Structure formats: structure tokens, C-alpha cells
Amino acid sequence: MSQLSILVMVEHDNQTIKSSTYHSVTAAKQMLSGQGLLHLLVAGHQCKQVAEQAATIAGVENVILIDNSELAHPLAETVTDAVIAVAENYSHLVFPATTYGKNIAPRVAATLGVAQISDITEVINAQTFVRPIYAGNALATVQNNGQQVVLTIRSSAFSGTTETQSPAAIEECTVNHFSPLSQLKSQSLTQMSRAELSSAKVVISGGRGLNSSENFALLETIADKLGAAVGASRAAVDAGYVPNDYQVGQTGKIVAPDLYIAVGISGAIQHIAGMKESKVIVAINRDPEAPIFQFADYGIVGDLFEILPEFDKALA
């Protein structure tokens, strides 16, 4: 494997490509620096249209399509089998650092017996990367030993490529064996009428200071006017105010919107790790000593139950 060759895993729902893929492609291009091969892998069922979309992403030279009914739902074990079937041809296997990618990449690395470098935020060269450690309080520069490597890419650290090209070739591959270890019995999907949290341009998040799930309605009315996504701190999720899909932070979603509004959030370092790359941060908290103000571009000290209605009126 003397030639640099990168395989990027396409995250999708069998119909459209998730935005995380475009950020992963940007990181892959930085690793290549114009030299080497960039291929994409689409593993799913009845998903040829996804492969056709992927083929138009600028810089992609080939799209591998593995279409099988066993991949109708992206179970980590079966998708891992699909990746392993083609992995030997690549020096780098790249996944988004999303729930999808984090579920598959460690299994791929363990099966191949190679290193994984997680949550890449900067590419120095094809073998050297920067990643956050200690909840983002420090950055580690990590160098691969030159062997095959599995990488997960933090989407918020890389712009999503928007350039297109004439469609690249699509190569259909067959996998004859899938793991029988897991089966999907049922799933319950949270229906979201607003922007997706990880890709929204504006996010308004609530913390324990909101006191109840009913009070999150104050955020939702403002979110609707701003076209924003609604997030939450882990404290609010643990208190049962909102589902854990809303959680922003080290153990939740990593976001980097143009505007992040933190309401009733004290600013624990685990939460800060998930949103500190936001372009503008606004904090609303009645405690002037709350740690969140150390990271905010704008801070409002006061009672959120007085401030939010006034904010809502101003938007109206």
C-alpha cells in the first residue's frame, strides 16, 4: 500500500447523504494534498441514488456501492462487514465523528488490528493530526506509524465541501457474509420539525435553569422565529426535561453554529467542549459568576423567565 489511498464512509439514510460526509471529504482532501486516490463507500439497501449523489462530489475518483438487504438498517456489525470487505486497498479509512461513525470505526479498527485516531480537528499531513483531549482543554498532535489507519473527523472543524464535478465511476461490490450477531427488532425515531442540531446555523440551548420540560417551550417559540435548532445541557437531559437527542457536549453532539444561545446553562467544561467552536456565543444566566460567561461573546445577567419573553417580543 505504497500509494496514499483514502476511503471515506458515506453517512446516509438510503436516500440522501448526511452533511457529515461533506466535512469528512474536506478533511480527506487535506490529507491527500493533491496526490493519491479518494474513494467513497456507500453501504446500504436500495441506495443507488446515494451513490450517484456521492459521485458528483468534487475530487472523488470512485464510488464503491455495496447494496444489500442486510444493510437496510445501519447496524454497526453489518456495516463493519461491508467496510472490511474493501478495506485492504486503502491506507486511510475515514469516518465522520457522529453517532454513525463512532459506532462503526472502532469495530473496523479492531477487526483490522490497526490504530484509530479519533475526533480529528486538524490535518497537518497524511500521517499527522490534531485532536482534542481532556474535554477540549488541550490539543494533542498525533502521528501515525505509517501503517493503515482509521480516522474519525469532527465535522465542526472542517468546512463541508460544496464543489461538484462530472459523475465519477460507481463500482458495485458484493459481500457474501454478514455478521449474524445482531438484528434490528424495532426502532423509535424522534420526529424533528426544526433544523438538525449538528448542522443548524443557529442553536438555542437550555439548561437546568429552565426548571421543567414545559419551560423548554420558551426556547421553542424563539427557535421557530430564528429558524434554529433546540439543544440542551446534560443536566437538562438527565433531569428529563428533553430527550437525549438534544444534548450538546462532550457526551452529546458537537456543534459549531454561526450563533449559539445558552439559556440557564452554567457552563460545565463537558458542555463547553461541545459548543465552544461556535462563531458567536450568547449566554443568559442569573449568576454573574457562571463559567459560561468566560466563553461568551455576549452575556446577559438576569432572570431567564423575564428575558426570554422580552426576546420573543423583540423578534415578533
Foldseek 3Di string as FASTA:
>chain_A
DPFAEEEEEFDDLLEETDLLSLQQVQQVCQQQVVGGAYEYEYEAANRVVHQQVVQFFPRHAEYEYEHDHVRNDPDQQQVLLVCVVPVVVHQEYEYALDPSRVSHQVVNCVVVVHEEDEAFLDDPYNFWTWHADPLNPDIDIDGGPSGRYYYHYHSLNGDRGDHTDDGHYYHYDYRDDTDPPDDDPDDDDDDDPADQQAPWQEEEEEECLLVALVSCVLVVLVCVLVSYHYAYDVRCCVVVSDPQQRYFFQPHAAHAHCEYEYEHDLCDSRRCSRYLNHNAYEYEEQDPPRPVVVRHPYYHHDRCVVVSVVVSVVSD
